Amino acid sequence: MLALAMTGLMLGAVVSERHRLLRVLAESESRRRAVLNTARDGVLTIDARGRIQSINPAVEQLFGLPEGLLIGHDVREIVDGVPDLLARMSRITCPRAAETTTWELDAR
């Protein structure tokens, strides 16, 4: 009976910690989104293949395209010179699945 009670308590603690971490993650994501949504510069994220994952409102204004037409598309479709840049980046680094590589591109 004691073992069952201890298991229940430990499971409860794990579930509580998971809920806490999910709440912290949601708050962090909310802050990140608020910062990006108010940025005057266009900010977009792409995956390793060059597919657009997220954009901020400034990107929509810069390219005159709504988010729905940009997300999932290849960044090469909207920014000149990116194919060569992406090829150079992939030669410089090859991140493992658990790592993230951040690059910054200033374009006009």
PDB file of N, CA and C in Angstrom:
ATOM      1  N   MET A   1       0.822  -1.183   0.000  1.00  0.00           N
ATOM      2  CA  MET A   1       0.000   0.000   0.000  1.00  0.00           C
ATOM      3  C   MET A   1       0.873   1.255   0.000  1.00  0.00           C
ATOM      4  N   LEU A   2       1.967   1.208   0.787  1.00  0.00           N
ATOM      5  CA  LEU A   2       2.873   2.350   0.853  1.00  0.00           C
ATOM      6  C   LEU A   2       3.522   2.600  -0.508  1.00  0.00           C
ATOM      7  N   ALA A   3       3.933   1.530  -1.183  1.00  0.00           N
ATOM      8  CA  ALA A   3       4.565   1.658  -2.505  1.00  0.00           C
ATOM      9  C   ALA A   3       3.586   2.278  -3.493  1.00  0.00           C
ATOM     10  N   LEU A   4       2.340   1.874  -3.432  1.00  0.00           N
ATOM     11  CA  LEU A   4       1.316   2.425  -4.320  1.00  0.00           C
ATOM     12  C   LEU A   4       1.089   3.903  -4.026  1.00  0.00           C
ATOM     13  N   ALA A   5       1.054   4.265  -2.759  1.00  0.00           N
ATOM     14  CA  ALA A   5       0.870   5.668  -2.375  1.00  0.00           C
ATOM     15  C   ALA A   5       2.052   6.512  -2.834  1.00  0.00           C
ATOM     16  N   MET A   6       3.273   5.984  -2.663  1.00  0.00           N
ATOM     17  CA  MET A   6       4.465   6.732  -3.086  1.00  0.00           C
ATOM     18  C   MET A   6       4.485   6.903  -4.605  1.00  0.00           C
ATOM     19  N   THR A   7       4.098   5.856  -5.314  1.00  0.00           N
ATOM     20  CA  THR A   7       4.043   5.939  -6.778  1.00  0.00           C
ATOM     21  C   THR A   7       3.039   7.001  -7.204  1.00  0.00           C
ATOM     22  N   GLY A   8       1.895   7.028  -6.549  1.00  0.00           N
ATOM     23  CA  GLY A   8       0.867   8.031  -6.851  1.00  0.00           C
ATOM     24  C   GLY A   8       1.353   9.440  -6.582  1.00  0.00           C
ATOM     25  N   LEU A   9       2.069   9.625  -5.471  1.00  0.00           N
ATOM     26  CA  LEU A   9       2.609  10.946  -5.142  1.00  0.00           C
ATOM     27  C   LEU A   9       3.655  11.385  -6.164  1.00  0.00           C
ATOM     28  N   MET A  10       4.524  10.450  -6.542  1.00  0.00           N
ATOM     29  CA  MET A  10       5.562  10.790  -7.518  1.00  0.00           C
ATOM     30  C   MET A  10       4.948  11.094  -8.880  1.00  0.00           C
ATOM     31  N   LEU A  11       3.954  10.339  -9.274  1.00  0.00           N
ATOM     32  CA  LEU A  11       3.277  10.590 -10.539  1.00  0.00           C
ATOM     33  C   LEU A  11       2.591  11.954 -10.504  1.00  0.00           C
ATOM     34  N   GLY A  12       1.973  12.269  -9.386  1.00  0.00           N
ATOM     35  CA  GLY A  12       1.338  13.580  -9.232  1.00  0.00           C
ATOM     36  C   GLY A  12       2.342  14.712  -9.343  1.00  0.00           C
ATOM     37  N   ALA A  13       3.520  14.522  -8.768  1.00  0.00           N
ATOM     38  CA  ALA A  13       4.567  15.542  -8.837  1.00  0.00           C
ATOM     39  C   ALA A  13       5.049  15.717 -10.269  1.00  0.00           C
ATOM     40  N   VAL A  14       5.193  14.626 -10.998  1.00  0.00           N
ATOM     41  CA  VAL A  14       5.636  14.700 -12.395  1.00  0.00           C
ATOM     42  C   VAL A  14       4.595  15.427 -13.245  1.00  0.00           C
ATOM     43  N   VAL A  15       3.338  15.098 -13.043  1.00  0.00           N
ATOM     44  CA  VAL A  15       2.256  15.751 -13.794  1.00  0.00           C
ATOM     45  C   VAL A  15       2.200  17.236 -13.457  1.00  0.00           C
ATOM     46  N   SER A  16       2.347  17.584 -12.195  1.00  0.00           N
ATOM     47  CA  SER A  16       2.340  18.994 -11.790  1.00  0.00           C
ATOM     48  C   SER A  16       3.501  19.751 -12.420  1.00  0.00           C
ATOM     49  N   GLU A  17       4.677  19.132 -12.430  1.00  0.00           N
ATOM     50  CA  GLU A  17       5.850  19.776 -13.020  1.00  0.00           C
ATOM     51  C   GLU A  17       5.657  19.952 -14.526  1.00  0.00           C
ATOM     52  N   ARG A  18       5.079  18.968 -15.161  1.00  0.00           N
ATOM     53  CA  ARG A  18       4.820  19.069 -16.609  1.00  0.00           C
ATOM     54  C   ARG A  18       3.864  20.227 -16.891  1.00  0.00           C
ATOM     55  N   HIS A  19       2.812  20.347 -16.116  1.00  0.00           N
ATOM     56  CA  HIS A  19       1.862  21.457 -16.292  1.00  0.00           C
ATOM     57  C   HIS A  19       2.552  22.799 -16.065  1.00  0.00           C
ATOM     58  N   ARG A  20       3.419  22.869 -15.058  1.00  0.00           N
ATOM     59  CA  ARG A  20       4.138  24.111 -14.785  1.00  0.00           C
ATOM     60  C   ARG A  20       5.038  24.478 -15.964  1.00  0.00           C
ATOM     61  N   LEU A  21       5.766  23.487 -16.478  1.00  0.00           N
ATOM     62  CA  LEU A  21       6.665  23.742 -17.607  1.00  0.00           C
ATOM     63  C   LEU A  21       5.895  24.147 -18.861  1.00  0.00           C
ATOM     64  N   LEU A  22       4.748  23.535 -19.092  1.00  0.00           N
ATOM     65  CA  LEU A  22       3.920  23.928 -20.237  1.00  0.00           C
ATOM     66  C   LEU A  22       3.431  25.362 -20.099  1.00  0.00           C
ATOM     67  N   ARG A  23       3.077  25.769 -18.887  1.00  0.00           N
ATOM     68  CA  ARG A  23       2.633  27.145 -18.640  1.00  0.00           C
ATOM     69  C   ARG A  23       3.784  28.124 -18.870  1.00  0.00           C
ATOM     70  N   VAL A  24       4.985  27.779 -18.377  1.00  0.00           N
ATOM     71  CA  VAL A  24       6.163  28.628 -18.573  1.00  0.00           C
ATOM     72  C   VAL A  24       6.482  28.749 -20.059  1.00  0.00           C
ATOM     73  N   LEU A  25       6.403  27.631 -20.779  1.00  0.00           N
ATOM     74  CA  LEU A  25       6.663  27.653 -22.222  1.00  0.00           C
ATOM     75  C   LEU A  25       5.647  28.520 -22.952  1.00  0.00           C
ATOM     76  N   ALA A  26       4.388  28.416 -22.589  1.00  0.00           N
ATOM     77  CA  ALA A  26       3.347  29.224 -23.218  1.00  0.00           C
ATOM     78  C   ALA A  26       3.576  30.713 -22.949  1.00  0.00           C
ATOM     79  N   GLU A  27       3.970  31.050 -21.722  1.00  0.00           N
ATOM     80  CA  GLU A  27       4.254  32.451 -21.398  1.00  0.00           C
ATOM     81  C   GLU A  27       5.456  32.960 -22.181  1.00  0.00           C
ATOM     82  N   SER A  28       6.479  32.139 -22.311  1.00  0.00           N
ATOM     83  CA  SER A  28       7.665  32.514 -23.070  1.00  0.00           C
ATOM     84  C   SER A  28       7.318  32.721 -24.543  1.00  0.00           C
ATOM     85  N   GLU A  29       6.534  31.828 -25.094  1.00  0.00           N
ATOM     86  CA  GLU A  29       6.104  31.943 -26.493  1.00  0.00           C
ATOM     87  C   GLU A  29       5.269  33.207 -26.691  1.00  0.00           C
ATOM     88  N   SER A  30       4.447  33.524 -25.725  1.00  0.00           N
ATOM     89  CA  SER A  30       3.621  34.731 -25.799  1.00  0.00           C
ATOM     90  C   SER A  30       4.484  35.993 -25.806  1.00  0.00           C
ATOM     91  N   ARG A  31       5.509  36.021 -24.952  1.00  0.00           N
ATOM     92  CA  ARG A  31       6.425  37.169 -24.924  1.00  0.00           C
ATOM     93  C   ARG A  31       7.199  37.283 -26.230  1.00  0.00           C
ATOM     94  N   ARG A  32       7.697  36.149 -26.734  1.00  0.00           N
ATOM     95  CA  ARG A  32       8.436  36.142 -28.002  1.00  0.00           C
ATOM     96  C   ARG A  32       7.560  36.669 -29.133  1.00  0.00           C
ATOM     97  N   ARG A  33       6.336  36.199 -29.198  1.00  0.00           N
ATOM     98  CA  ARG A  33       5.418  36.616 -30.250  1.00  0.00           C
ATOM     99  C   ARG A  33       5.110  38.104 -30.127  1.00  0.00           C
ATOM    100  N   ALA A  34       4.942  38.607 -28.904  1.00  0.00           N
ATOM    101  CA  ALA A  34       4.669  40.035 -28.703  1.00  0.00           C
ATOM    102  C   ALA A  34       5.830  40.888 -29.198  1.00  0.00           C
ATOM    103  N   VAL A  35       7.049  40.463 -28.911  1.00  0.00           N
ATOM    104  CA  VAL A  35       8.235  41.200 -29.364  1.00  0.00           C
ATOM    105  C   VAL A  35       8.311  41.189 -30.890  1.00  0.00           C
ATOM    106  N   LEU A  36       8.153  40.019 -31.488  1.00  0.00           N
ATOM    107  CA  LEU A  36       8.242  39.921 -32.945  1.00  0.00           C
ATOM    108  C   LEU A  36       7.115  40.672 -33.642  1.00  0.00           C
ATOM    109  N   ASN A  37       5.934  40.643 -33.075  1.00  0.00           N
ATOM    110  CA  ASN A  37       4.801  41.323 -33.706  1.00  0.00           C
ATOM    111  C   ASN A  37       4.938  42.839 -33.687  1.00  0.00           C
ATOM    112  N   THR A  38       5.723  43.365 -32.764  1.00  0.00           N
ATOM    113  CA  THR A  38       5.902  44.819 -32.699  1.00  0.00           C
ATOM    114  C   THR A  38       7.200  45.282 -33.350  1.00  0.00           C
ATOM    115  N   ALA A  39       8.030  44.335 -33.795  1.00  0.00           N
ATOM    116  CA  ALA A  39       9.297  44.699 -34.438  1.00  0.00           C
ATOM    117  C   ALA A  39       9.024  45.368 -35.781  1.00  0.00           C
ATOM    118  N   ARG A  40       9.758  46.418 -36.070  1.00  0.00           N
ATOM    119  CA  ARG A  40       9.598  47.110 -37.346  1.00  0.00           C
ATOM    120  C   ARG A  40      10.305  46.373 -38.474  1.00  0.00           C
ATOM    121  N   ASP A  41      11.322  45.587 -38.130  1.00  0.00           N
ATOM    122  CA  ASP A  41      12.043  44.800 -39.128  1.00  0.00           C
ATOM    123  C   ASP A  41      11.305  43.497 -39.390  1.00  0.00           C
ATOM    124  N   GLY A  42      11.413  43.031 -40.624  1.00  0.00           N
ATOM    125  CA  GLY A  42      10.824  41.747 -40.958  1.00  0.00           C
ATOM    126  C   GLY A  42      11.665  40.625 -40.387  1.00  0.00           C
ATOM    127  N   VAL A  43      11.021  39.711 -39.689  1.00  0.00           N
ATOM    128  CA  VAL A  43      11.714  38.569 -39.088  1.00  0.00           C
ATOM    129  C   VAL A  43      10.991  37.307 -39.531  1.00  0.00           C
ATOM    130  N   LEU A  44      11.764  36.378 -40.106  1.00  0.00           N
ATOM    131  CA  LEU A  44      11.177  35.097 -40.468  1.00  0.00           C
ATOM    132  C   LEU A  44      12.131  33.985 -40.078  1.00  0.00           C
ATOM    133  N   THR A  45      11.573  32.823 -39.826  1.00  0.00           N
ATOM    134  CA  THR A  45      12.393  31.665 -39.509  1.00  0.00           C
ATOM    135  C   THR A  45      12.198  30.632 -40.612  1.00  0.00           C
ATOM    136  N   ILE A  46      13.277  29.912 -40.915  1.00  0.00           N
ATOM    137  CA  ILE A  46      13.218  28.873 -41.924  1.00  0.00           C
ATOM    138  C   ILE A  46      13.814  27.595 -41.364  1.00  0.00           C
ATOM    139  N   ASP A  47      13.428  26.475 -41.935  1.00  0.00           N
ATOM    140  CA  ASP A  47      14.017  25.202 -41.523  1.00  0.00           C
ATOM    141  C   ASP A  47      15.278  24.938 -42.330  1.00  0.00           C
ATOM    142  N   ALA A  48      15.887  23.788 -42.136  1.00  0.00           N
ATOM    143  CA  ALA A  48      17.157  23.467 -42.791  1.00  0.00           C
ATOM    144  C   ALA A  48      17.028  23.391 -44.311  1.00  0.00           C
ATOM    145  N   ARG A  49      15.827  23.147 -44.814  1.00  0.00           N
ATOM    146  CA  ARG A  49      15.623  23.073 -46.263  1.00  0.00           C
ATOM    147  C   ARG A  49      15.256  24.420 -46.876  1.00  0.00           C
ATOM    148  N   GLY A  50      15.113  25.455 -46.040  1.00  0.00           N
ATOM    149  CA  GLY A  50      14.773  26.772 -46.552  1.00  0.00           C
ATOM    150  C   GLY A  50      13.289  27.054 -46.575  1.00  0.00           C
ATOM    151  N   ARG A  51      12.484  26.225 -45.948  1.00  0.00           N
ATOM    152  CA  ARG A  51      11.028  26.435 -45.889  1.00  0.00           C
ATOM    153  C   ARG A  51      10.702  27.409 -44.759  1.00  0.00           C
ATOM    154  N   ILE A  52       9.844  28.365 -45.050  1.00  0.00           N
ATOM    155  CA  ILE A  52       9.471  29.381 -44.051  1.00  0.00           C
ATOM    156  C   ILE A  52       8.586  28.741 -42.988  1.00  0.00           C
ATOM    157  N   GLN A  53       8.995  28.914 -41.723  1.00  0.00           N
ATOM    158  CA  GLN A  53       8.250  28.360 -40.598  1.00  0.00           C
ATOM    159  C   GLN A  53       7.389  29.394 -39.898  1.00  0.00           C
ATOM    160  N   SER A  54       7.909  30.612 -39.770  1.00  0.00           N
ATOM    161  CA  SER A  54       7.135  31.662 -39.109  1.00  0.00           C
ATOM    162  C   SER A  54       7.585  33.016 -39.639  1.00  0.00           C
ATOM    163  N   ILE A  55       6.682  33.978 -39.543  1.00  0.00           N
ATOM    164  CA  ILE A  55       6.980  35.350 -39.961  1.00  0.00           C
ATOM    165  C   ILE A  55       6.333  36.307 -38.969  1.00  0.00           C
ATOM    166  N   ASN A  56       6.786  37.552 -39.007  1.00  0.00           N
ATOM    167  CA  ASN A  56       6.099  38.571 -38.219  1.00  0.00           C
ATOM    168  C   ASN A  56       5.333  39.484 -39.184  1.00  0.00           C
ATOM    169  N   PRO A  57       4.455  40.344 -38.662  1.00  0.00           N
ATOM    170  CA  PRO A  57       3.654  41.214 -39.532  1.00  0.00           C
ATOM    171  C   PRO A  57       4.479  42.098 -40.470  1.00  0.00           C
ATOM    172  N   ALA A  58       5.686  42.472 -40.065  1.00  0.00           N
ATOM    173  CA  ALA A  58       6.518  43.314 -40.912  1.00  0.00           C
ATOM    174  C   ALA A  58       6.893  42.584 -42.205  1.00  0.00           C
ATOM    175  N   VAL A  59       7.043  41.276 -42.158  1.00  0.00           N
ATOM    176  CA  VAL A  59       7.353  40.500 -43.370  1.00  0.00           C
ATOM    177  C   VAL A  59       6.168  40.569 -44.324  1.00  0.00           C
ATOM    178  N   GLU A  60       4.960  40.473 -43.785  1.00  0.00           N
ATOM    179  CA  GLU A  60       3.763  40.578 -44.623  1.00  0.00           C
ATOM    180  C   GLU A  60       3.740  41.917 -45.353  1.00  0.00           C
ATOM    181  N   GLN A  61       4.084  42.980 -44.642  1.00  0.00           N
ATOM    182  CA  GLN A  61       4.095  44.305 -45.248  1.00  0.00           C
ATOM    183  C   GLN A  61       5.221  44.446 -46.267  1.00  0.00           C
ATOM    184  N   LEU A  62       6.389  43.922 -45.951  1.00  0.00           N
ATOM    185  CA  LEU A  62       7.534  44.025 -46.853  1.00  0.00           C
ATOM    186  C   LEU A  62       7.277  43.352 -48.197  1.00  0.00           C
ATOM    187  N   PHE A  63       6.688  42.177 -48.164  1.00  0.00           N
ATOM    188  CA  PHE A  63       6.498  41.407 -49.379  1.00  0.00           C
ATOM    189  C   PHE A  63       5.081  41.513 -49.937  1.00  0.00           C
ATOM    190  N   GLY A  64       4.191  42.154 -49.192  1.00  0.00           N
ATOM    191  CA  GLY A  64       2.825  42.315 -49.668  1.00  0.00           C
ATOM    192  C   GLY A  64       2.071  41.005 -49.801  1.00  0.00           C
ATOM    193  N   LEU A  65       2.453  40.033 -48.973  1.00  0.00           N
ATOM    194  CA  LEU A  65       1.815  38.724 -49.005  1.00  0.00           C
ATOM    195  C   LEU A  65       1.376  38.337 -47.602  1.00  0.00           C
ATOM    196  N   PRO A  66       0.190  37.742 -47.478  1.00  0.00           N
ATOM    197  CA  PRO A  66      -0.273  37.323 -46.153  1.00  0.00           C
ATOM    198  C   PRO A  66       0.484  36.096 -45.651  1.00  0.00           C
ATOM    199  N   GLU A  67       0.444  35.906 -44.352  1.00  0.00           N
ATOM    200  CA  GLU A  67       1.143  34.790 -43.704  1.00  0.00           C
ATOM    201  C   GLU A  67       0.811  33.457 -44.355  1.00  0.00           C
ATOM    202  N   GLY A  68      -0.452  33.248 -44.683  1.00  0.00           N
ATOM    203  CA  GLY A  68      -0.884  31.984 -45.266  1.00  0.00           C
ATOM    204  C   GLY A  68      -0.211  31.651 -46.584  1.00  0.00           C
ATOM    205  N   LEU A  69       0.211  32.669 -47.334  1.00  0.00           N
ATOM    206  CA  LEU A  69       0.892  32.427 -48.603  1.00  0.00           C
ATOM    207  C   LEU A  69       2.399  32.288 -48.448  1.00  0.00           C
ATOM    208  N   LEU A  70       2.916  32.562 -47.263  1.00  0.00           N
ATOM    209  CA  LEU A  70       4.361  32.483 -47.036  1.00  0.00           C
ATOM    210  C   LEU A  70       4.774  31.245 -46.244  1.00  0.00           C
ATOM    211  N   ILE A  71       4.030  30.906 -45.207  1.00  0.00           N
ATOM    212  CA  ILE A  71       4.377  29.772 -44.354  1.00  0.00           C
ATOM    213  C   ILE A  71       4.396  28.491 -45.187  1.00  0.00           C
ATOM    214  N   GLY A  72       5.486  27.753 -45.050  1.00  0.00           N
ATOM    215  CA  GLY A  72       5.622  26.488 -45.757  1.00  0.00           C
ATOM    216  C   GLY A  72       6.271  26.605 -47.123  1.00  0.00           C
ATOM    217  N   HIS A  73       6.367  27.823 -47.637  1.00  0.00           N
ATOM    218  CA  HIS A  73       6.999  28.018 -48.939  1.00  0.00           C
ATOM    219  C   HIS A  73       8.503  28.199 -48.784  1.00  0.00           C
ATOM    220  N   ASP A  74       9.195  27.996 -49.869  1.00  0.00           N
ATOM    221  CA  ASP A  74      10.640  28.126 -49.890  1.00  0.00           C
ATOM    222  C   ASP A  74      11.026  29.605 -49.849  1.00  0.00           C
ATOM    223  N   VAL A  75      11.948  29.970 -48.971  1.00  0.00           N
ATOM    224  CA  VAL A  75      12.368  31.360 -48.828  1.00  0.00           C
ATOM    225  C   VAL A  75      13.000  31.878 -50.122  1.00  0.00           C
ATOM    226  N   ARG A  76      13.525  30.967 -50.942  1.00  0.00           N
ATOM    227  CA  ARG A  76      14.139  31.364 -52.212  1.00  0.00           C
ATOM    228  C   ARG A  76      13.128  32.023 -53.151  1.00  0.00           C
ATOM    229  N   GLU A  77      11.847  31.755 -52.919  1.00  0.00           N
ATOM    230  CA  GLU A  77      10.805  32.332 -53.765  1.00  0.00           C
ATOM    231  C   GLU A  77      10.642  33.830 -53.543  1.00  0.00           C
ATOM    232  N   ILE A  78      11.061  34.322 -52.383  1.00  0.00           N
ATOM    233  CA  ILE A  78      10.828  35.745 -52.093  1.00  0.00           C
ATOM    234  C   ILE A  78      12.091  36.567 -51.910  1.00  0.00           C
ATOM    235  N   VAL A  79      13.238  35.919 -51.680  1.00  0.00           N
ATOM    236  CA  VAL A  79      14.471  36.670 -51.444  1.00  0.00           C
ATOM    237  C   VAL A  79      15.530  36.236 -52.456  1.00  0.00           C
ATOM    238  N   ASP A  80      16.008  37.177 -53.264  1.00  0.00           N
ATOM    239  CA  ASP A  80      17.061  36.886 -54.234  1.00  0.00           C
ATOM    240  C   ASP A  80      18.378  36.582 -53.530  1.00  0.00           C
ATOM    241  N   GLY A  81      19.151  35.693 -54.097  1.00  0.00           N
ATOM    242  CA  GLY A  81      20.480  35.398 -53.570  1.00  0.00           C
ATOM    243  C   GLY A  81      20.494  34.406 -52.434  1.00  0.00           C
ATOM    244  N   VAL A  82      19.332  33.956 -51.991  1.00  0.00           N
ATOM    245  CA  VAL A  82      19.274  33.042 -50.855  1.00  0.00           C
ATOM    246  C   VAL A  82      19.780  31.643 -51.201  1.00  0.00           C
ATOM    247  N   PRO A  83      19.546  31.107 -52.408  1.00  0.00           N
ATOM    248  CA  PRO A  83      20.037  29.740 -52.663  1.00  0.00           C
ATOM    249  C   PRO A  83      21.525  29.592 -52.396  1.00  0.00           C
ATOM    250  N   ASP A  84      22.313  30.528 -52.865  1.00  0.00           N
ATOM    251  CA  ASP A  84      23.756  30.467 -52.639  1.00  0.00           C
ATOM    252  C   ASP A  84      24.069  30.603 -51.153  1.00  0.00           C
ATOM    253  N   LEU A  85      23.367  31.501 -50.476  1.00  0.00           N
ATOM    254  CA  LEU A  85      23.587  31.706 -49.046  1.00  0.00           C
ATOM    255  C   LEU A  85      23.258  30.442 -48.258  1.00  0.00           C
ATOM    256  N   LEU A  86      22.129  29.806 -48.564  1.00  0.00           N
ATOM    257  CA  LEU A  86      21.751  28.580 -47.858  1.00  0.00           C
ATOM    258  C   LEU A  86      22.754  27.465 -48.107  1.00  0.00           C
ATOM    259  N   ALA A  87      23.269  27.376 -49.318  1.00  0.00           N
ATOM    260  CA  ALA A  87      24.271  26.358 -49.625  1.00  0.00           C
ATOM    261  C   ALA A  87      25.545  26.592 -48.819  1.00  0.00           C
ATOM    262  N   ARG A  88      25.956  27.855 -48.717  1.00  0.00           N
ATOM    263  CA  ARG A  88      27.154  28.165 -47.933  1.00  0.00           C
ATOM    264  C   ARG A  88      26.940  27.854 -46.460  1.00  0.00           C
ATOM    265  N   MET A  89      25.757  28.183 -45.935  1.00  0.00           N
ATOM    266  CA  MET A  89      25.460  27.913 -44.526  1.00  0.00           C
ATOM    267  C   MET A  89      25.493  26.418 -44.242  1.00  0.00           C
ATOM    268  N   SER A  90      24.917  25.616 -45.135  1.00  0.00           N
ATOM    269  CA  SER A  90      24.865  24.177 -44.889  1.00  0.00           C
ATOM    270  C   SER A  90      26.253  23.554 -44.946  1.00  0.00           C
ATOM    271  N   ARG A  91      27.177  24.131 -45.702  1.00  0.00           N
ATOM    272  CA  ARG A  91      28.539  23.615 -45.737  1.00  0.00           C
ATOM    273  C   ARG A  91      29.295  23.975 -44.460  1.00  0.00           C
ATOM    274  N   ILE A  92      28.970  25.125 -43.885  1.00  0.00           N
ATOM    275  CA  ILE A  92      29.662  25.585 -42.684  1.00  0.00           C
ATOM    276  C   ILE A  92      29.250  24.764 -41.469  1.00  0.00           C
ATOM    277  N   THR A  93      27.981  24.451 -41.370  1.00  0.00           N
ATOM    278  CA  THR A  93      27.490  23.752 -40.185  1.00  0.00           C
ATOM    279  C   THR A  93      26.490  22.689 -40.579  1.00  0.00           C
ATOM    280  N   CYS A  94      26.479  21.639 -39.833  1.00  0.00           N
ATOM    281  CA  CYS A  94      25.519  20.560 -40.031  1.00  0.00           C
ATOM    282  C   CYS A  94      25.018  20.180 -38.647  1.00  0.00           C
ATOM    283  N   PRO A  95      24.006  20.892 -38.115  1.00  0.00           N
ATOM    284  CA  PRO A  95      23.572  20.660 -36.739  1.00  0.00           C
ATOM    285  C   PRO A  95      22.932  19.286 -36.542  1.00  0.00           C
ATOM    286  N   ARG A  96      23.123  18.755 -35.341  1.00  0.00           N
ATOM    287  CA  ARG A  96      22.433  17.526 -34.977  1.00  0.00           C
ATOM    288  C   ARG A  96      20.975  17.870 -34.716  1.00  0.00           C
ATOM    289  N   ALA A  97      20.140  16.857 -34.669  1.00  0.00           N
ATOM    290  CA  ALA A  97      18.696  17.050 -34.537  1.00  0.00           C
ATOM    291  C   ALA A  97      18.334  17.873 -33.305  1.00  0.00           C
ATOM    292  N   ALA A  98      19.068  17.730 -32.208  1.00  0.00           N
ATOM    293  CA  ALA A  98      18.716  18.425 -30.965  1.00  0.00           C
ATOM    294  C   ALA A  98      19.251  19.857 -30.929  1.00  0.00           C
ATOM    295  N   GLU A  99      20.073  20.239 -31.910  1.00  0.00           N
ATOM    296  CA  GLU A  99      20.660  21.568 -31.908  1.00  0.00           C
ATOM    297  C   GLU A  99      19.939  22.485 -32.884  1.00  0.00           C
ATOM    298  N   THR A 100      20.059  23.764 -32.634  1.00  0.00           N
ATOM    299  CA  THR A 100      19.494  24.758 -33.526  1.00  0.00           C
ATOM    300  C   THR A 100      20.609  25.699 -33.936  1.00  0.00           C
ATOM    301  N   THR A 101      20.656  26.024 -35.198  1.00  0.00           N
ATOM    302  CA  THR A 101      21.643  26.970 -35.688  1.00  0.00           C
ATOM    303  C   THR A 101      20.913  28.239 -36.082  1.00  0.00           C
ATOM    304  N   THR A 102      21.423  29.374 -35.660  1.00  0.00           N
ATOM    305  CA  THR A 102      20.790  30.644 -35.963  1.00  0.00           C
ATOM    306  C   THR A 102      21.689  31.436 -36.886  1.00  0.00           C
ATOM    307  N   TRP A 103      21.118  31.955 -37.955  1.00  0.00           N
ATOM    308  CA  TRP A 103      21.822  32.793 -38.906  1.00  0.00           C
ATOM    309  C   TRP A 103      21.017  34.067 -39.070  1.00  0.00           C
ATOM    310  N   GLU A 104      21.682  35.133 -39.339  1.00  0.00           N
ATOM    311  CA  GLU A 104      21.006  36.401 -39.564  1.00  0.00           C
ATOM    312  C   GLU A 104      21.358  36.887 -40.958  1.00  0.00           C
ATOM    313  N   LEU A 105      20.359  37.307 -41.689  1.00  0.00           N
ATOM    314  CA  LEU A 105      20.539  37.806 -43.032  1.00  0.00           C
ATOM    315  C   LEU A 105      19.927  39.196 -43.106  1.00  0.00           C
ATOM    316  N   ASP A 106      20.730  40.157 -43.484  1.00  0.00           N
ATOM    317  CA  ASP A 106      20.208  41.503 -43.728  1.00  0.00           C
ATOM    318  C   ASP A 106      19.976  41.622 -45.209  1.00  0.00           C
ATOM    319  N   ALA A 107      18.750  41.914 -45.603  1.00  0.00           N
ATOM    320  CA  ALA A 107      18.413  42.030 -47.019  1.00  0.00           C
ATOM    321  C   ALA A 107      17.694  43.354 -47.251  1.00  0.00           C
ATOM    322  N   ARG A 108      17.886  43.881 -48.420  1.00  0.00           N
ATOM    323  CA  ARG A 108      17.204  45.116 -48.798  1.00  0.00           C
ATOM    324  C   ARG A 108      16.491  44.896 -50.114  1.00  0.00           C
TER     325      ARG A 108
END
